[in-house]
């Protein structure tokens, strides 16, 4: 009987214990890997969003690198090396390039910052900041605004472009 007990203990009980330890270790490794993946998911390379605008227009924004964060229950994408393209119903294009942008995936509003360059036909506008307001379809260009185009050059504090009406307002913060 003692030989049977020894045999049982040697070949069945020890393996079961070892097997349980291995399973626990594997489970722990799996959970560690899942946590690492979740923290790395916030960084995305070559991100692209495409949004439909009123009157058959389109808005596409691309970034070389991005970080997704959540602020006040809204998904905010912090973008670097950004290019945005606005197309109207006749496929006329406004291209915006900037160092950085903050894109709200809920409202589609976008704040561009740093070395902004706007191109429309043979016209170029440069500035430090630009906001796109989705609901009103307005592009607001401000801080060190310089326009250069076929009609000459202008330095201003602000330029507002409405994508629907095509109205452009150029104005100063404190007119003298």
N, C-alpha and C. Protein backbone atom coordinates (compact mmCIF):
# COMPACT_ATOMS: atom_id res chain seq x y z
N UNK A 1 0.81 -1.18 0.00
CA UNK A 1 0.00 0.00 0.00
C UNK A 1 0.87 1.26 0.00
N UNK A 2 1.92 1.28 0.78
CA UNK A 2 2.78 2.45 0.82
C UNK A 2 3.46 2.68 -0.52
N UNK A 3 3.75 1.62 -1.24
CA UNK A 3 4.33 1.76 -2.58
C UNK A 3 3.33 2.42 -3.52
N UNK A 4 2.09 2.06 -3.41
CA UNK A 4 1.04 2.66 -4.22
C UNK A 4 0.87 4.14 -3.89
N UNK A 5 0.89 4.48 -2.62
CA UNK A 5 0.79 5.88 -2.19
C UNK A 5 1.97 6.69 -2.72
N UNK A 6 3.17 6.16 -2.60
CA UNK A 6 4.36 6.84 -3.10
C UNK A 6 4.26 7.05 -4.61
N UNK A 7 3.85 6.02 -5.33
CA UNK A 7 3.70 6.10 -6.78
C UNK A 7 2.67 7.18 -7.15
N UNK A 8 1.54 7.17 -6.47
CA UNK A 8 0.48 8.16 -6.72
C UNK A 8 0.97 9.58 -6.44
N UNK A 9 1.63 9.74 -5.30
CA UNK A 9 2.15 11.05 -4.91
C UNK A 9 3.20 11.54 -5.90
N UNK A 10 4.09 10.67 -6.32
CA UNK A 10 5.20 11.04 -7.19
C UNK A 10 4.70 11.45 -8.58
N UNK A 11 3.80 10.71 -9.16
CA UNK A 11 3.43 10.93 -10.56
C UNK A 11 2.15 11.73 -10.77
N UNK A 12 1.28 11.81 -9.80
CA UNK A 12 0.02 12.53 -10.01
C UNK A 12 -0.08 13.83 -9.21
N UNK A 13 0.21 13.80 -7.96
CA UNK A 13 0.06 14.99 -7.14
C UNK A 13 1.06 16.08 -7.50
N UNK A 14 2.32 15.76 -7.69
CA UNK A 14 3.33 16.76 -8.00
C UNK A 14 3.08 17.40 -9.36
N UNK A 15 2.66 16.62 -10.32
CA UNK A 15 2.38 17.18 -11.65
C UNK A 15 1.21 18.15 -11.59
N UNK A 16 0.22 17.80 -10.80
CA UNK A 16 -0.94 18.67 -10.68
C UNK A 16 -0.52 20.00 -10.07
N UNK A 17 0.29 19.96 -9.06
CA UNK A 17 0.75 21.18 -8.43
C UNK A 17 1.59 21.99 -9.42
N UNK A 18 2.49 21.35 -10.12
CA UNK A 18 3.31 22.05 -11.10
C UNK A 18 2.45 22.64 -12.20
N UNK A 19 1.47 21.91 -12.62
CA UNK A 19 0.58 22.38 -13.67
C UNK A 19 -0.16 23.64 -13.22
N UNK A 20 -0.61 23.66 -11.99
CA UNK A 20 -1.31 24.84 -11.49
C UNK A 20 -0.38 26.05 -11.46
N UNK A 21 0.86 25.86 -11.05
CA UNK A 21 1.82 26.96 -11.03
C UNK A 21 2.06 27.52 -12.43
N UNK A 22 2.19 26.67 -13.39
CA UNK A 22 2.42 27.10 -14.77
C UNK A 22 1.24 27.91 -15.27
N UNK A 23 0.05 27.45 -14.99
CA UNK A 23 -1.14 28.18 -15.43
C UNK A 23 -1.19 29.56 -14.80
N UNK A 24 -0.88 29.66 -13.53
CA UNK A 24 -0.87 30.96 -12.88
C UNK A 24 0.16 31.88 -13.51
N UNK A 25 1.34 31.37 -13.78
CA UNK A 25 2.39 32.17 -14.40
C UNK A 25 1.97 32.64 -15.79
N UNK A 26 1.36 31.77 -16.59
CA UNK A 26 0.92 32.15 -17.93
C UNK A 26 -0.15 33.23 -17.87
N UNK A 27 -1.07 33.10 -16.93
CA UNK A 27 -2.12 34.10 -16.78
C UNK A 27 -1.52 35.45 -16.43
N UNK A 28 -0.57 35.47 -15.56
CA UNK A 28 0.07 36.71 -15.17
C UNK A 28 0.77 37.36 -16.36
N UNK A 29 1.48 36.58 -17.16
CA UNK A 29 2.17 37.11 -18.34
C UNK A 29 1.17 37.69 -19.33
N UNK A 30 0.06 37.02 -19.52
CA UNK A 30 -0.94 37.51 -20.46
C UNK A 30 -1.51 38.84 -20.00
N UNK A 31 -1.80 38.99 -18.74
CA UNK A 31 -2.34 40.25 -18.23
C UNK A 31 -1.33 41.38 -18.37
N UNK A 32 -0.06 41.10 -18.13
CA UNK A 32 0.96 42.13 -18.30
C UNK A 32 1.04 42.60 -19.74
N UNK A 33 0.96 41.69 -20.68
CA UNK A 33 1.01 42.06 -22.10
C UNK A 33 -0.21 42.88 -22.51
N UNK A 34 -1.37 42.55 -21.99
CA UNK A 34 -2.58 43.31 -22.31
C UNK A 34 -2.44 44.74 -21.83
N UNK A 35 -1.94 44.95 -20.62
CA UNK A 35 -1.77 46.30 -20.10
C UNK A 35 -0.80 47.11 -20.95
N UNK A 36 0.29 46.52 -21.41
CA UNK A 36 1.25 47.22 -22.25
C UNK A 36 0.61 47.65 -23.57
N UNK A 37 -0.20 46.77 -24.16
CA UNK A 37 -0.86 47.11 -25.42
C UNK A 37 -1.82 48.28 -25.25
N UNK A 38 -2.55 48.31 -24.14
CA UNK A 38 -3.51 49.39 -23.92
C UNK A 38 -2.81 50.74 -23.83
N UNK A 39 -1.66 50.82 -23.19
CA UNK A 39 -0.99 52.10 -23.06
C UNK A 39 -0.38 52.53 -24.38
N UNK A 40 0.01 51.60 -25.24
CA UNK A 40 0.59 51.96 -26.53
C UNK A 40 -0.47 52.30 -27.57
N UNK A 41 -1.72 51.98 -27.33
CA UNK A 41 -2.78 52.25 -28.30
C UNK A 41 -3.07 53.73 -28.45
N UNK A 42 -2.59 54.58 -27.56
CA UNK A 42 -2.87 56.00 -27.64
C UNK A 42 -2.03 56.70 -28.71
N UNK A 43 -0.98 56.08 -29.19
CA UNK A 43 -0.11 56.68 -30.20
C UNK A 43 -0.35 56.00 -31.53
N UNK A 44 -0.59 56.82 -32.55
CA UNK A 44 -0.90 56.29 -33.88
C UNK A 44 -0.05 57.03 -34.90
N UNK A 45 0.51 56.30 -35.83
CA UNK A 45 1.25 56.91 -36.93
C UNK A 45 0.37 56.94 -38.17
N UNK A 46 0.54 57.99 -38.96
CA UNK A 46 -0.18 58.15 -40.23
C UNK A 46 -1.69 58.03 -40.05
N UNK A 47 -2.24 58.92 -39.25
CA UNK A 47 -3.68 58.93 -38.98
C UNK A 47 -4.40 59.81 -39.99
N UNK A 48 -5.60 59.38 -40.39
CA UNK A 48 -6.39 60.14 -41.37
C UNK A 48 -7.86 60.12 -40.95
N UNK A 49 -8.48 61.31 -40.96
CA UNK A 49 -9.92 61.44 -40.73
C UNK A 49 -10.53 62.10 -41.95
N UNK A 50 -11.72 61.65 -42.33
CA UNK A 50 -12.44 62.24 -43.45
C UNK A 50 -13.86 62.55 -42.97
N UNK A 51 -14.29 63.81 -43.18
CA UNK A 51 -15.58 64.27 -42.68
C UNK A 51 -16.35 64.94 -43.82
N UNK A 52 -17.63 64.65 -43.92
CA UNK A 52 -18.49 65.31 -44.91
C UNK A 52 -18.92 66.67 -44.37
N UNK A 53 -18.86 67.68 -45.23
CA UNK A 53 -19.31 69.02 -44.87
C UNK A 53 -20.64 69.32 -45.57
N UNK A 54 -21.25 70.42 -45.20
CA UNK A 54 -22.50 70.85 -45.83
C UNK A 54 -22.28 71.11 -47.31
N UNK A 55 -23.33 70.99 -48.08
CA UNK A 55 -23.30 71.26 -49.52
C UNK A 55 -22.23 70.45 -50.26
N UNK A 56 -22.16 69.16 -49.96
CA UNK A 56 -21.27 68.22 -50.64
C UNK A 56 -19.78 68.53 -50.50
N UNK A 57 -19.40 69.22 -49.46
CA UNK A 57 -17.99 69.48 -49.21
C UNK A 57 -17.36 68.36 -48.41
N UNK A 58 -16.04 68.34 -48.39
CA UNK A 58 -15.30 67.34 -47.63
C UNK A 58 -14.18 67.99 -46.84
N UNK A 59 -13.84 67.37 -45.72
CA UNK A 59 -12.73 67.80 -44.88
C UNK A 59 -11.92 66.56 -44.56
N UNK A 60 -10.67 66.59 -44.93
CA UNK A 60 -9.78 65.47 -44.64
C UNK A 60 -8.57 66.00 -43.89
N UNK A 61 -8.22 65.32 -42.80
CA UNK A 61 -7.06 65.73 -42.02
C UNK A 61 -6.15 64.52 -41.82
N UNK A 62 -4.86 64.74 -42.08
CA UNK A 62 -3.85 63.69 -41.98
C UNK A 62 -2.75 64.15 -41.03
N UNK A 63 -2.20 63.20 -40.28
CA UNK A 63 -1.09 63.52 -39.39
C UNK A 63 -0.04 62.42 -39.46
N UNK A 64 1.21 62.85 -39.38
CA UNK A 64 2.30 61.88 -39.39
C UNK A 64 2.30 61.06 -38.10
N UNK A 65 2.01 61.72 -36.98
CA UNK A 65 1.87 61.00 -35.71
C UNK A 65 0.78 61.66 -34.88
N UNK A 66 0.13 60.86 -34.05
CA UNK A 66 -1.00 61.35 -33.25
C UNK A 66 -1.04 60.66 -31.90
N UNK A 67 -1.68 61.35 -30.97
CA UNK A 67 -1.94 60.79 -29.65
C UNK A 67 -3.40 61.03 -29.32
N UNK A 68 -4.09 59.98 -28.94
CA UNK A 68 -5.52 60.09 -28.62
C UNK A 68 -5.67 60.21 -27.11
N UNK A 69 -6.46 61.20 -26.69
CA UNK A 69 -6.74 61.36 -25.26
C UNK A 69 -8.22 61.68 -25.10
N UNK A 70 -8.70 61.57 -23.89
CA UNK A 70 -10.11 61.81 -23.60
C UNK A 70 -10.22 62.95 -22.60
N UNK A 71 -10.90 64.03 -23.01
CA UNK A 71 -11.08 65.20 -22.18
C UNK A 71 -12.57 65.52 -22.14
N UNK A 72 -13.14 65.56 -20.94
CA UNK A 72 -14.58 65.85 -20.76
C UNK A 72 -15.44 64.97 -21.66
N UNK A 73 -15.20 63.67 -21.64
CA UNK A 73 -15.95 62.67 -22.41
C UNK A 73 -15.87 62.86 -23.93
N UNK A 74 -14.88 63.58 -24.40
CA UNK A 74 -14.69 63.77 -25.84
C UNK A 74 -13.33 63.20 -26.23
N UNK A 75 -13.29 62.54 -27.38
CA UNK A 75 -12.03 62.02 -27.89
C UNK A 75 -11.29 63.14 -28.61
N UNK A 76 -10.13 63.50 -28.10
CA UNK A 76 -9.31 64.56 -28.67
C UNK A 76 -8.05 63.93 -29.24
N UNK A 77 -7.74 64.26 -30.49
CA UNK A 77 -6.56 63.72 -31.14
C UNK A 77 -5.53 64.84 -31.26
N UNK A 78 -4.39 64.66 -30.61
CA UNK A 78 -3.30 65.62 -30.69
C UNK A 78 -2.39 65.16 -31.83
N UNK A 79 -2.29 65.99 -32.87
CA UNK A 79 -1.61 65.59 -34.10
C UNK A 79 -0.33 66.37 -34.31
N UNK A 80 0.63 65.75 -34.99
CA UNK A 80 1.89 66.40 -35.37
C UNK A 80 2.11 66.23 -36.86
N UNK A 81 2.75 67.25 -37.46
CA UNK A 81 3.01 67.28 -38.90
C UNK A 81 1.70 67.02 -39.67
N UNK A 82 0.87 68.05 -39.66
CA UNK A 82 -0.53 67.93 -40.10
C UNK A 82 -0.75 68.54 -41.48
N UNK A 83 -1.58 67.87 -42.27
CA UNK A 83 -2.07 68.40 -43.54
C UNK A 83 -3.58 68.20 -43.56
N UNK A 84 -4.31 69.28 -43.82
CA UNK A 84 -5.76 69.22 -43.92
C UNK A 84 -6.17 69.73 -45.30
N UNK A 85 -7.20 69.11 -45.86
CA UNK A 85 -7.69 69.50 -47.18
C UNK A 85 -9.20 69.69 -47.10
N UNK A 86 -9.64 70.87 -47.56
CA UNK A 86 -11.07 71.17 -47.69
C UNK A 86 -11.41 71.16 -49.17
N UNK A 87 -12.43 70.42 -49.54
CA UNK A 87 -12.92 70.41 -50.92
C UNK A 87 -14.36 70.88 -50.92
N UNK A 88 -14.70 71.77 -51.86
CA UNK A 88 -16.10 72.17 -51.99
C UNK A 88 -16.77 71.27 -53.03
N UNK A 89 -18.02 71.55 -53.35
CA UNK A 89 -18.77 70.70 -54.28
C UNK A 89 -18.18 70.70 -55.69
N UNK A 90 -17.43 71.74 -56.03
CA UNK A 90 -16.78 71.81 -57.35
C UNK A 90 -15.34 71.30 -57.29
N UNK A 91 -14.98 70.65 -56.19
CA UNK A 91 -13.65 70.08 -55.98
C UNK A 91 -12.53 71.11 -55.93
N UNK A 92 -12.86 72.37 -55.57
CA UNK A 92 -11.84 73.39 -55.34
C UNK A 92 -11.23 73.11 -53.97
N UNK A 93 -9.92 73.23 -53.90
CA UNK A 93 -9.19 72.76 -52.73
C UNK A 93 -8.54 73.89 -51.95
N UNK A 94 -8.68 73.83 -50.61
CA UNK A 94 -7.91 74.65 -49.67
C UNK A 94 -7.06 73.66 -48.89
N UNK A 95 -5.74 73.87 -48.90
CA UNK A 95 -4.83 72.98 -48.19
C UNK A 95 -4.21 73.74 -47.02
N UNK A 96 -4.20 73.11 -45.86
CA UNK A 96 -3.62 73.69 -44.65
C UNK A 96 -2.53 72.75 -44.16
N UNK A 97 -1.36 73.32 -43.87
CA UNK A 97 -0.27 72.55 -43.27
C UNK A 97 0.12 73.24 -41.97
N UNK A 98 0.41 72.44 -40.95
CA UNK A 98 0.83 73.00 -39.66
C UNK A 98 1.69 72.00 -38.91
N UNK A 99 2.38 72.52 -37.90
CA UNK A 99 3.21 71.65 -37.06
C UNK A 99 2.33 70.74 -36.20
N UNK A 100 1.27 71.33 -35.63
CA UNK A 100 0.41 70.59 -34.70
C UNK A 100 -1.06 70.93 -34.91
N UNK A 101 -1.92 70.04 -34.46
CA UNK A 101 -3.36 70.29 -34.47
C UNK A 101 -4.02 69.49 -33.36
N UNK A 102 -5.14 70.03 -32.89
CA UNK A 102 -5.97 69.33 -31.91
C UNK A 102 -7.33 69.12 -32.55
N UNK A 103 -7.69 67.85 -32.80
CA UNK A 103 -8.91 67.49 -33.52
C UNK A 103 -9.89 66.83 -32.56
N UNK A 104 -11.12 67.38 -32.48
CA UNK A 104 -12.16 66.81 -31.63
C UNK A 104 -13.00 65.87 -32.50
N UNK A 105 -12.97 64.58 -32.21
CA UNK A 105 -13.68 63.60 -33.04
C UNK A 105 -15.19 63.64 -32.84
N UNK A 106 -15.66 64.33 -31.81
CA UNK A 106 -17.10 64.45 -31.59
C UNK A 106 -17.68 65.63 -32.36
N UNK A 107 -17.02 66.80 -32.29
CA UNK A 107 -17.53 68.02 -32.94
C UNK A 107 -16.86 68.30 -34.28
N UNK A 108 -15.74 67.64 -34.56
CA UNK A 108 -14.89 67.85 -35.75
C UNK A 108 -14.21 69.23 -35.75
N UNK A 109 -14.33 70.00 -34.68
CA UNK A 109 -13.61 71.26 -34.58
C UNK A 109 -12.11 70.95 -34.48
N UNK A 110 -11.31 71.82 -35.09
CA UNK A 110 -9.87 71.58 -35.12
C UNK A 110 -9.13 72.88 -34.82
N UNK A 111 -8.12 72.81 -33.96
CA UNK A 111 -7.25 73.94 -33.66
C UNK A 111 -5.85 73.60 -34.18
N UNK A 112 -5.37 74.41 -35.14
CA UNK A 112 -4.05 74.22 -35.73
C UNK A 112 -3.09 75.20 -35.07
N UNK A 113 -1.82 74.79 -34.90
CA UNK A 113 -0.81 75.68 -34.31
C UNK A 113 0.56 75.43 -34.94
N UNK A 114 1.29 76.52 -35.10
CA UNK A 114 2.68 76.44 -35.50
C UNK A 114 2.93 76.34 -36.99
N UNK A 115 3.60 77.35 -37.55
CA UNK A 115 3.99 77.37 -38.97
C UNK A 115 2.86 76.99 -39.92
N UNK A 116 1.74 77.65 -39.77
CA UNK A 116 0.58 77.33 -40.59
C UNK A 116 0.73 77.97 -41.97
N UNK A 117 0.43 77.18 -42.98
CA UNK A 117 0.44 77.66 -44.35
C UNK A 117 -0.83 77.18 -45.03
N UNK A 118 -1.61 78.15 -45.56
CA UNK A 118 -2.88 77.86 -46.23
C UNK A 118 -2.69 78.19 -47.70
N UNK A 119 -3.04 77.24 -48.56
CA UNK A 119 -2.93 77.47 -50.01
C UNK A 119 -4.29 77.29 -50.65
N UNK A 120 -4.63 78.27 -51.51
CA UNK A 120 -5.87 78.23 -52.27
C UNK A 120 -5.57 78.85 -53.63
N UNK A 121 -5.61 78.06 -54.68
CA UNK A 121 -5.16 78.47 -56.02
C UNK A 121 -3.76 79.04 -55.91
N UNK A 122 -3.54 80.28 -56.32
CA UNK A 122 -2.21 80.89 -56.26
C UNK A 122 -2.06 81.82 -55.05
N UNK A 123 -2.91 81.65 -54.06
CA UNK A 123 -2.88 82.48 -52.85
C UNK A 123 -2.29 81.68 -51.69
N UNK A 124 -1.51 82.38 -50.86
CA UNK A 124 -0.92 81.74 -49.68
C UNK A 124 -1.15 82.64 -48.47
N UNK A 125 -1.58 82.03 -47.38
CA UNK A 125 -1.74 82.73 -46.10
C UNK A 125 -0.88 81.99 -45.09
N UNK A 126 -0.11 82.75 -44.32
CA UNK A 126 0.69 82.16 -43.24
C UNK A 126 0.26 82.76 -41.92
N UNK A 127 0.31 81.94 -40.86
CA UNK A 127 -0.05 82.42 -39.52
C UNK A 127 0.50 81.47 -38.47
N UNK A 128 0.25 81.83 -37.21
CA UNK A 128 0.65 80.96 -36.09
C UNK A 128 -0.48 80.04 -35.65
N UNK A 129 -1.73 80.51 -35.82
CA UNK A 129 -2.88 79.72 -35.35
C UNK A 129 -4.03 79.77 -36.35
N UNK A 130 -4.83 78.70 -36.34
CA UNK A 130 -6.01 78.61 -37.19
C UNK A 130 -7.01 77.69 -36.50
N UNK A 131 -8.28 78.09 -36.50
CA UNK A 131 -9.35 77.25 -35.96
C UNK A 131 -10.34 76.94 -37.06
N UNK A 132 -10.79 75.68 -37.10
CA UNK A 132 -11.88 75.30 -37.98
C UNK A 132 -13.07 74.95 -37.11
N UNK A 133 -14.20 75.64 -37.35
CA UNK A 133 -15.44 75.41 -36.62
C UNK A 133 -16.41 74.67 -37.54
N UNK A 134 -16.66 73.41 -37.23
CA UNK A 134 -17.46 72.55 -38.10
C UNK A 134 -18.90 73.02 -38.27
N UNK A 135 -19.57 73.36 -37.19
CA UNK A 135 -20.99 73.72 -37.25
C UNK A 135 -21.21 74.95 -38.11
N UNK A 136 -20.38 75.97 -37.97
CA UNK A 136 -20.55 77.21 -38.74
C UNK A 136 -19.78 77.19 -40.07
N UNK A 137 -18.97 76.13 -40.29
CA UNK A 137 -18.14 76.02 -41.48
C UNK A 137 -17.20 77.22 -41.65
N UNK A 138 -16.64 77.68 -40.56
CA UNK A 138 -15.72 78.82 -40.57
C UNK A 138 -14.29 78.37 -40.35
N UNK A 139 -13.38 78.99 -41.09
CA UNK A 139 -11.96 78.89 -40.85
C UNK A 139 -11.52 80.24 -40.32
N UNK A 140 -10.95 80.27 -39.12
CA UNK A 140 -10.53 81.52 -38.50
C UNK A 140 -9.00 81.48 -38.37
N UNK A 141 -8.35 82.41 -39.05
CA UNK A 141 -6.89 82.46 -39.09
C UNK A 141 -6.45 83.66 -38.25
N UNK A 142 -5.52 83.46 -37.33
CA UNK A 142 -5.11 84.55 -36.45
C UNK A 142 -3.68 84.37 -35.97
N UNK A 143 -3.14 85.44 -35.39
CA UNK A 143 -1.78 85.54 -34.86
C UNK A 143 -0.75 85.55 -35.99
N UNK A 144 -0.22 86.76 -36.26
CA UNK A 144 0.80 86.97 -37.29
C UNK A 144 0.36 86.49 -38.67
N UNK A 145 -0.77 87.02 -39.11
CA UNK A 145 -1.36 86.62 -40.39
C UNK A 145 -0.73 87.43 -41.52
N UNK A 146 -0.28 86.72 -42.55
CA UNK A 146 0.28 87.36 -43.74
C UNK A 146 -0.29 86.70 -44.98
N UNK A 147 -0.93 87.50 -45.85
CA UNK A 147 -1.51 87.01 -47.10
C UNK A 147 -0.61 87.46 -48.25
N UNK A 148 -0.38 86.56 -49.19
CA UNK A 148 0.36 86.88 -50.39
C UNK A 148 -0.34 86.17 -51.56
N UNK A 149 -0.75 86.96 -52.55
CA UNK A 149 -1.46 86.35 -53.66
C UNK A 149 -1.46 87.22 -54.89
N UNK A 150 -2.33 86.87 -55.80
CA UNK A 150 -2.39 87.56 -57.09
C UNK A 150 -2.83 89.02 -56.97
N UNK A 151 -3.47 89.40 -55.86
CA UNK A 151 -3.91 90.79 -55.69
C UNK A 151 -2.97 91.60 -54.80
N UNK A 152 -1.85 91.02 -54.37
CA UNK A 152 -0.89 91.74 -53.54
C UNK A 152 -0.65 91.04 -52.22
N UNK A 153 -0.15 91.81 -51.26
CA UNK A 153 0.17 91.28 -49.94
C UNK A 153 -0.53 92.09 -48.86
N UNK A 154 -0.93 91.41 -47.79
CA UNK A 154 -1.61 92.07 -46.66
C UNK A 154 -1.12 91.42 -45.37
N UNK A 155 -0.93 92.25 -44.34
CA UNK A 155 -0.67 91.76 -43.00
C UNK A 155 -1.89 92.13 -42.16
N UNK A 156 -2.42 91.16 -41.41
CA UNK A 156 -3.64 91.40 -40.62
C UNK A 156 -3.57 90.61 -39.33
N UNK A 157 -4.52 90.91 -38.43
CA UNK A 157 -4.63 90.14 -37.19
C UNK A 157 -5.48 88.90 -37.39
N UNK A 158 -6.52 89.01 -38.24
CA UNK A 158 -7.48 87.91 -38.40
C UNK A 158 -7.99 87.82 -39.83
N UNK A 159 -8.25 86.60 -40.26
CA UNK A 159 -8.99 86.36 -41.49
C UNK A 159 -10.01 85.28 -41.17
N UNK A 160 -11.26 85.53 -41.58
CA UNK A 160 -12.33 84.55 -41.38
C UNK A 160 -12.86 84.16 -42.76
N UNK A 161 -12.88 82.86 -43.02
CA UNK A 161 -13.39 82.33 -44.29
C UNK A 161 -14.58 81.44 -43.99
N UNK A 162 -15.72 81.73 -44.60
CA UNK A 162 -16.87 80.86 -44.47
C UNK A 162 -16.89 79.94 -45.69
N UNK A 163 -16.84 78.64 -45.46
CA UNK A 163 -16.76 77.68 -46.55
C UNK A 163 -18.06 77.55 -47.34
N UNK A 164 -19.19 77.90 -46.74
CA UNK A 164 -20.47 77.82 -47.44
C UNK A 164 -20.73 79.03 -48.32
N UNK A 165 -20.61 80.21 -47.74
CA UNK A 165 -20.92 81.45 -48.47
C UNK A 165 -19.72 81.94 -49.28
N UNK A 166 -18.54 81.44 -48.97
CA UNK A 166 -17.27 81.87 -49.60
C UNK A 166 -16.90 83.30 -49.21
N UNK A 167 -17.55 83.86 -48.19
CA UNK A 167 -17.21 85.20 -47.71
C UNK A 167 -15.89 85.16 -46.96
N UNK A 168 -15.08 86.20 -47.20
CA UNK A 168 -13.80 86.33 -46.51
C UNK A 168 -13.77 87.69 -45.83
N UNK A 169 -13.52 87.67 -44.52
CA UNK A 169 -13.40 88.93 -43.75
C UNK A 169 -11.96 89.04 -43.25
N UNK A 170 -11.34 90.19 -43.53
CA UNK A 170 -10.00 90.47 -43.05
C UNK A 170 -10.13 91.63 -42.08
N UNK A 171 -9.66 91.44 -40.83
CA UNK A 171 -9.84 92.51 -39.85
C UNK A 171 -8.74 92.50 -38.80
N UNK A 172 -8.61 93.65 -38.12
CA UNK A 172 -7.62 93.84 -37.08
C UNK A 172 -8.30 93.71 -35.71
N UNK A 173 -7.53 93.33 -34.70
CA UNK A 173 -8.07 93.25 -33.34
C UNK A 173 -8.40 94.64 -32.80
N UNK A 174 -7.49 95.58 -32.96
CA UNK A 174 -7.65 96.94 -32.48
C UNK A 174 -7.41 97.91 -33.63
N UNK A 175 -8.44 98.18 -34.45
CA UNK A 175 -8.21 99.12 -35.56
C UNK A 175 -7.88 100.51 -35.04
N UNK A 176 -6.97 101.20 -35.72
CA UNK A 176 -6.55 102.53 -35.26
C UNK A 176 -7.18 103.61 -36.07
